Amino acid sequence: MALSPTFDIDAPRWDQTTFMGRLKHFFNITDWRTALLPDSRLDEAKALVESCRARSVPPGTTEEQLHYAKKLYDSAFHPDSGDRMNIIGRMSFQVPGGMAITGCMLQFYRTVPAVVFWQWVNQSFNALVNYTNRNAASPITPKQIGVAYATATSTALATAVGLNLYTKRAPPLVARWVPFAAVAAANCVNIPMMRQQEILNGIAVTDENGNKLGHSQKAAVKGITQVVISRITMAAPGMIILPIIMQRLEKYKFMQRITYLHGPIQVMMVGVFLTFMVPAACSLFPQRCSIAVSKLEPELRDAITSKYGDGVQRVYFNKGL
């Protein structure tokens, strides 16, 4: 199909105010296959997107090609800075990276050394993902990154090791749920710590047209809370339901004969869960989050009201992923 003169590459293809619209969007940009593409291909996609924004699209370019270029651009480049994100931190890498780590956490949960090692690996992965998907308008120092990483890892290890020891007298299924409890607890620490600058100094907020109005701590807290909920939701089905499935399967003789395949089986099954849960969890809340002016800090609220009156009822910001 030929390119329409009014084509806007930044206009959402699907309605971002509805869950189904956001789900289609995130199924598109979290496609794990995009993580396999070389940087040169991603840079070509970025160049095509930028040429479209400048209304200088190469002759013969179709809308389908532009949509695919925008898919690659959204999957690999940060929405605030426009910089290419490291591959491990991209949401498109959540399925291959998450399935390997989560599968191992679910398989190797019986001994303290195994719990410590895989929780450390998981928190290292999460720290990189959280840093990569932060709101880039709020810089964070290397020291703050180190403190956030150490705090989150310590929380995960303390939760996992403590519950591991406590559940030795509990039913076997309860022990299988320890990794999820540790992951949930660590997410509640890791994400706010990694994005502490937004909480301390506020996150940039704009009006409906993208005009910057100031910085809000309350907006930052709202956005980060939504991200924490999304991340826990992302992990929950695989880490809660899969242990139940594995416990029942392990009662069968054929499963008892292939114990060496239990790990790979869990990895693949986690991959199935994450293929659907990564986009679903990202879709729970709008990426462009909003908050009523009446709920902002008094200073910012008064500044907006004095300048715009009742013309601005809500402010908008990028909540991160």
Protein backbone atom coordinates (compact mmCIF):
# COMPACT_ATOMS: atom_id res chain seq x y z
CA MET A 1 0.00 0.00 0.00
CA ALA A 2 1.35 3.44 -0.93
CA LEU A 3 2.16 5.99 1.75
CA SER A 4 -0.59 8.45 2.61
CA PRO A 5 0.43 12.14 2.61
CA THR A 6 -1.11 12.49 6.10
CA PHE A 7 0.62 9.42 7.55
CA ASP A 8 1.82 10.06 11.14
CA ILE A 9 4.34 7.48 12.28
CA ASP A 10 4.02 8.50 15.94
CA ALA A 11 0.24 8.15 16.00
CA PRO A 12 -0.74 4.99 17.93
CA ARG A 13 -1.85 2.15 15.67
CA TRP A 14 -4.18 0.97 18.43
CA ASP A 15 -6.24 2.85 21.01
CA GLN A 16 -3.93 3.34 24.00
CA THR A 17 -6.83 4.24 26.31
CA THR A 18 -8.11 0.64 26.27
CA PHE A 19 -6.48 -2.52 27.58
CA MET A 20 -6.96 -4.38 24.29
CA GLY A 21 -5.40 -1.54 22.34
CA ARG A 22 -2.36 -1.48 24.64
CA LEU A 23 -2.16 -5.28 24.52
CA LYS A 24 -1.86 -5.25 20.72
CA HIS A 25 0.77 -2.53 20.97
CA PHE A 26 2.91 -4.44 23.48
CA PHE A 27 2.52 -7.75 21.67
CA ASN A 28 4.02 -5.84 18.75
CA ILE A 29 7.02 -4.26 20.50
CA THR A 30 7.84 -7.07 22.97
CA ASP A 31 8.21 -9.59 20.13
CA TRP A 32 11.32 -11.54 21.23
CA ARG A 33 12.37 -12.02 17.61
CA THR A 34 13.35 -8.34 17.42
CA ALA A 35 16.05 -9.01 20.03
CA LEU A 36 17.81 -11.23 17.49
CA LEU A 37 18.28 -8.46 14.94
CA PRO A 38 21.71 -6.79 14.54
CA ASP A 39 22.26 -3.18 15.61
CA SER A 40 22.71 -2.16 11.98
CA ARG A 41 19.14 -3.27 11.18
CA LEU A 42 17.81 -1.36 14.20
CA ASP A 43 19.73 1.76 13.17
CA GLU A 44 18.22 1.51 9.69
CA ALA A 45 14.77 1.36 11.26
CA LYS A 46 15.54 4.43 13.38
CA ALA A 47 16.76 6.33 10.33
CA LEU A 48 13.55 5.48 8.46
CA VAL A 49 11.39 6.59 11.40
CA GLU A 50 13.27 9.88 11.68
CA SER A 51 13.02 10.48 7.93
CA CYS A 52 9.28 9.92 8.15
CA ARG A 53 9.03 12.47 10.97
CA ALA A 54 10.92 14.92 8.76
CA ARG A 55 8.51 14.15 5.87
CA SER A 56 11.37 12.95 3.67
CA VAL A 57 10.52 9.29 3.24
CA PRO A 58 12.50 7.46 0.52
CA PRO A 59 10.41 6.98 -2.66
CA GLY A 60 8.57 3.68 -2.83
CA THR A 61 8.36 3.24 0.96
CA THR A 62 5.06 1.67 2.03
CA GLU A 63 3.08 2.08 5.26
CA GLU A 64 3.79 -1.56 6.08
CA GLN A 65 7.53 -0.88 5.96
CA LEU A 66 7.12 2.18 8.15
CA HIS A 67 5.00 0.28 10.67
CA TYR A 68 7.66 -2.43 10.89
CA ALA A 69 10.42 0.17 11.26
CA LYS A 70 8.43 1.81 14.09
CA LYS A 71 8.02 -1.61 15.73
CA LEU A 72 11.79 -2.10 15.72
CA TYR A 73 12.34 1.47 16.89
CA ASP A 74 9.91 1.14 19.83
CA SER A 75 11.38 -2.23 20.82
CA ALA A 76 15.01 -1.08 20.91
CA PHE A 77 15.19 2.69 21.49
CA HIS A 78 14.32 4.54 24.69
CA PRO A 79 11.13 6.66 24.37
CA ASP A 80 12.66 9.61 26.27
CA SER A 81 16.26 9.77 25.08
CA GLY A 82 16.01 8.02 21.70
CA ASP A 83 19.17 6.07 22.56
CA ARG A 84 19.46 2.39 21.67
CA MET A 85 18.87 0.33 24.81
CA ASN A 86 21.15 -2.53 25.80
CA ILE A 87 19.70 -5.80 24.56
CA ILE A 88 19.32 -7.45 27.98
CA GLY A 89 17.29 -4.54 29.33
CA ARG A 90 14.79 -4.41 26.48
CA MET A 91 11.25 -5.66 27.04
CA SER A 92 11.68 -7.75 23.88
CA PHE A 93 14.36 -9.72 25.78
CA GLN A 94 12.06 -10.46 28.72
CA VAL A 95 10.87 -13.75 27.24
CA PRO A 96 14.26 -15.38 26.44
CA GLY A 97 16.00 -13.86 29.47
CA GLY A 98 13.15 -14.30 31.91
CA MET A 99 12.32 -17.86 30.89
CA ALA A 100 15.87 -19.06 31.46
CA ILE A 101 16.29 -17.41 34.85
CA THR A 102 12.78 -18.08 36.17
CA GLY A 103 12.90 -21.70 35.02
CA CYS A 104 16.14 -22.21 36.93
CA MET A 105 14.76 -20.49 40.05
CA LEU A 106 11.76 -22.84 39.99
CA GLN A 107 13.93 -25.90 39.41
CA PHE A 108 16.75 -25.19 41.86
CA TYR A 109 14.88 -24.09 44.98
CA ARG A 110 15.77 -26.86 47.44
CA THR A 111 19.24 -25.86 48.64
CA VAL A 112 20.37 -22.52 50.07
CA PRO A 113 23.41 -22.13 47.73
CA ALA A 114 21.19 -22.67 44.67
CA VAL A 115 18.59 -20.23 45.99
CA VAL A 116 21.26 -17.60 46.66
CA PHE A 117 22.87 -17.98 43.24
CA TRP A 118 19.70 -17.82 41.14
CA GLN A 119 18.16 -14.98 43.16
CA TRP A 120 21.39 -13.03 42.64
CA VAL A 121 21.27 -13.73 38.90
CA ASN A 122 17.61 -12.68 38.76
CA GLN A 123 18.15 -9.44 40.65
CA SER A 124 21.14 -8.57 38.47
CA PHE A 125 18.90 -9.08 35.44
CA ASN A 126 16.06 -7.06 36.99
CA ALA A 127 18.37 -4.20 37.98
CA LEU A 128 19.54 -3.87 34.38
CA VAL A 129 15.95 -4.01 33.07
CA ASN A 130 14.79 -1.40 35.60
CA TYR A 131 17.68 0.93 34.79
CA THR A 132 17.17 0.52 31.04
CA ASN A 133 13.43 1.27 31.24
CA ARG A 134 13.61 4.14 33.71
CA ASN A 135 12.33 7.61 32.86
CA ALA A 136 15.49 8.91 31.19
CA ALA A 137 14.64 12.51 32.08
CA SER A 138 15.63 11.70 35.69
CA PRO A 139 19.36 10.83 35.79
CA ILE A 140 20.76 8.46 38.41
CA THR A 141 24.35 8.30 39.64
CA PRO A 142 26.52 5.14 39.66
CA LYS A 143 26.48 5.22 43.48
CA GLN A 144 22.69 5.25 43.56
CA ILE A 145 22.61 2.38 41.06
CA GLY A 146 24.96 0.39 43.30
CA VAL A 147 22.89 1.05 46.43
CA ALA A 148 19.66 0.10 44.62
CA TYR A 149 21.19 -3.11 43.30
CA ALA A 150 22.66 -4.11 46.68
CA THR A 151 19.42 -3.35 48.54
CA ALA A 152 17.19 -5.24 46.13
CA THR A 153 19.54 -8.23 45.99
CA SER A 154 19.78 -8.34 49.80
CA THR A 155 15.98 -8.19 50.08
CA ALA A 156 15.52 -11.04 47.59
CA LEU A 157 18.16 -13.20 49.26
CA ALA A 158 16.84 -12.55 52.77
CA THR A 159 13.29 -13.35 51.69
CA ALA A 160 14.25 -16.45 49.70
CA VAL A 161 16.68 -17.93 52.23
CA GLY A 162 14.42 -17.12 55.19
CA LEU A 163 11.35 -18.66 53.58
CA ASN A 164 13.39 -21.59 52.28
CA LEU A 165 14.42 -22.47 55.83
CA TYR A 166 10.94 -21.79 57.22
CA THR A 167 9.16 -23.96 54.64
CA LYS A 168 11.24 -27.09 55.25
CA ARG A 169 8.42 -28.22 57.53
CA ALA A 170 5.68 -26.97 55.17
CA PRO A 171 4.00 -28.88 52.30
CA PRO A 172 6.29 -29.30 49.26
CA LEU A 173 4.19 -26.96 47.11
CA VAL A 174 4.70 -24.08 49.54
CA ALA A 175 8.47 -24.40 49.14
CA ARG A 176 8.06 -24.19 45.36
CA TRP A 177 6.39 -20.79 45.79
CA VAL A 178 9.34 -19.30 47.68
CA PRO A 179 11.01 -17.96 44.49
CA PHE A 180 7.90 -15.95 43.64
CA ALA A 181 7.70 -14.46 47.13
CA ALA A 182 11.35 -13.41 46.84
CA VAL A 183 10.82 -11.93 43.37
CA ALA A 184 7.73 -9.98 44.49
CA ALA A 185 9.50 -8.62 47.59
CA ALA A 186 12.57 -7.62 45.59
CA ASN A 187 10.49 -5.86 42.93
CA CYS A 188 8.95 -3.71 45.66
CA VAL A 189 12.48 -2.57 46.54
CA ASN A 190 14.45 -2.76 43.29
CA ILE A 191 12.24 -0.58 41.11
CA PRO A 192 11.72 2.32 43.57
CA MET A 193 15.42 2.26 44.51
CA MET A 194 16.59 2.22 40.90
CA ARG A 195 14.28 5.14 40.15
CA GLN A 196 14.82 7.01 43.40
CA GLN A 197 15.74 10.24 41.62
CA GLU A 198 12.20 10.46 40.29
CA ILE A 199 10.79 10.03 43.80
CA LEU A 200 13.21 12.54 45.35
CA ASN A 201 13.19 15.22 42.66
CA GLY A 202 9.95 14.51 40.83
CA ILE A 203 9.20 13.34 37.31
CA ALA A 204 8.70 15.70 34.37
CA VAL A 205 5.00 16.31 33.70
CA THR A 206 3.41 17.94 30.65
CA ASP A 207 0.04 19.09 29.44
CA GLU A 208 -1.96 17.15 26.86
CA ASN A 209 0.10 18.68 24.04
CA GLY A 210 3.48 17.78 25.53
CA ASN A 211 4.33 21.21 26.95
CA LYS A 212 6.45 20.80 30.09
CA LEU A 213 4.79 22.08 33.25
CA GLY A 214 7.26 21.06 35.97
CA HIS A 215 8.29 18.07 38.10
CA SER A 216 6.06 16.07 40.43
CA GLN A 217 7.00 13.57 43.13
CA LYS A 218 3.41 12.38 43.42
CA ALA A 219 3.31 11.59 39.72
CA ALA A 220 6.56 9.64 40.10
CA VAL A 221 5.14 7.58 42.97
CA LYS A 222 2.02 6.78 40.94
CA GLY A 223 4.01 5.73 37.89
CA ILE A 224 6.51 3.61 39.83
CA THR A 225 3.72 1.91 41.80
CA GLN A 226 2.05 0.90 38.55
CA VAL A 227 5.35 -0.48 37.23
CA VAL A 228 5.84 -2.57 40.41
CA ILE A 229 2.32 -4.01 40.05
CA SER A 230 2.94 -4.79 36.38
CA ARG A 231 6.24 -6.56 37.05
CA ILE A 232 4.77 -8.74 39.81
CA THR A 233 1.79 -9.55 37.58
CA MET A 234 4.19 -10.46 34.78
CA ALA A 235 5.90 -13.10 36.94
CA ALA A 236 2.90 -14.36 38.92
CA PRO A 237 1.17 -16.88 36.59
CA GLY A 238 4.35 -18.72 35.65
CA MET A 239 5.78 -18.77 39.17
CA ILE A 240 2.48 -19.70 40.89
CA ILE A 241 0.76 -22.02 38.41
CA LEU A 242 3.83 -23.81 37.03
CA PRO A 243 4.88 -25.25 40.42
CA ILE A 244 1.40 -26.78 40.75
CA ILE A 245 1.69 -28.31 37.27
CA MET A 246 5.20 -29.66 37.93
CA GLN A 247 4.26 -31.16 41.28
CA ARG A 248 1.46 -33.12 39.64
CA LEU A 249 3.54 -34.15 36.64
CA GLU A 250 6.39 -35.41 38.82
CA LYS A 251 4.08 -38.07 40.26
CA TYR A 252 4.03 -39.87 36.91
CA LYS A 253 6.62 -42.55 36.25
CA PHE A 254 7.69 -41.13 32.89
CA MET A 255 8.58 -37.85 34.59
CA GLN A 256 10.51 -39.68 37.29
CA ARG A 257 12.62 -41.30 34.58
CA ILE A 258 13.59 -37.97 32.98
CA THR A 259 14.51 -35.85 35.99
CA TYR A 260 17.38 -34.37 33.97
CA LEU A 261 14.77 -32.76 31.70
CA HIS A 262 12.74 -31.12 34.48
CA GLY A 263 14.82 -27.94 34.25
CA PRO A 264 14.51 -27.53 30.46
CA ILE A 265 10.80 -28.36 30.65
CA GLN A 266 10.23 -25.61 33.22
CA VAL A 267 12.26 -23.14 31.18
CA MET A 268 10.14 -23.80 28.09
CA MET A 269 6.87 -23.65 30.04
CA VAL A 270 7.89 -20.34 31.63
CA GLY A 271 8.60 -19.09 28.12
CA VAL A 272 5.02 -19.88 27.12
CA PHE A 273 3.67 -17.98 30.13
CA LEU A 274 5.94 -14.97 29.54
CA THR A 275 5.10 -14.78 25.83
CA PHE A 276 1.60 -13.74 26.89
CA MET A 277 2.25 -12.20 30.29
CA VAL A 278 4.97 -9.70 29.26
CA PRO A 279 2.63 -7.78 26.91
CA ALA A 280 -0.38 -8.34 29.18
CA ALA A 281 1.40 -6.96 32.26
CA CYS A 282 2.82 -4.00 30.32
CA SER A 283 -0.73 -3.25 29.16
CA LEU A 284 -2.31 -2.99 32.61
CA PHE A 285 -1.74 0.77 32.74
CA PRO A 286 -1.27 3.40 30.00
CA GLN A 287 2.37 4.08 29.15
CA ARG A 288 1.52 7.78 29.06
CA CYS A 289 0.27 8.01 32.60
CA SER A 290 -1.78 10.94 33.92
CA ILE A 291 -2.73 12.49 37.22
CA ALA A 292 -5.25 15.19 38.11
CA VAL A 293 -3.79 18.64 38.77
CA SER A 294 -5.77 18.68 42.03
CA LYS A 295 -3.68 15.75 43.31
CA LEU A 296 -0.29 17.35 42.64
CA GLU A 297 1.96 19.02 45.19
CA PRO A 298 0.52 22.38 46.32
CA GLU A 299 3.38 24.40 44.79
CA LEU A 300 3.11 22.77 41.35
CA ARG A 301 -0.70 22.80 41.45
CA ASP A 302 -0.76 26.51 42.27
CA ALA A 303 1.82 27.31 39.58
CA ILE A 304 -0.22 25.48 36.91
CA THR A 305 -3.50 27.03 38.07
CA SER A 306 -2.10 30.57 38.16
CA LYS A 307 -0.71 30.24 34.64
CA TYR A 308 -3.42 28.21 32.90
CA GLY A 309 -6.48 28.57 35.15
CA ASP A 310 -8.88 25.67 34.58
CA GLY A 311 -7.42 25.03 31.12
CA VAL A 312 -5.24 22.19 32.41
CA GLN A 313 -7.11 19.54 34.43
CA ARG A 314 -4.63 16.67 34.11
CA VAL A 315 -0.87 16.35 33.60
CA TYR A 316 0.90 13.55 31.72
CA PHE A 317 4.19 11.69 32.07
CA ASN A 318 6.02 8.58 30.91
CA LYS A 319 5.72 6.03 33.71
CA GLY A 320 8.46 3.74 32.34
CA LEU A 321 8.09 -0.03 32.04
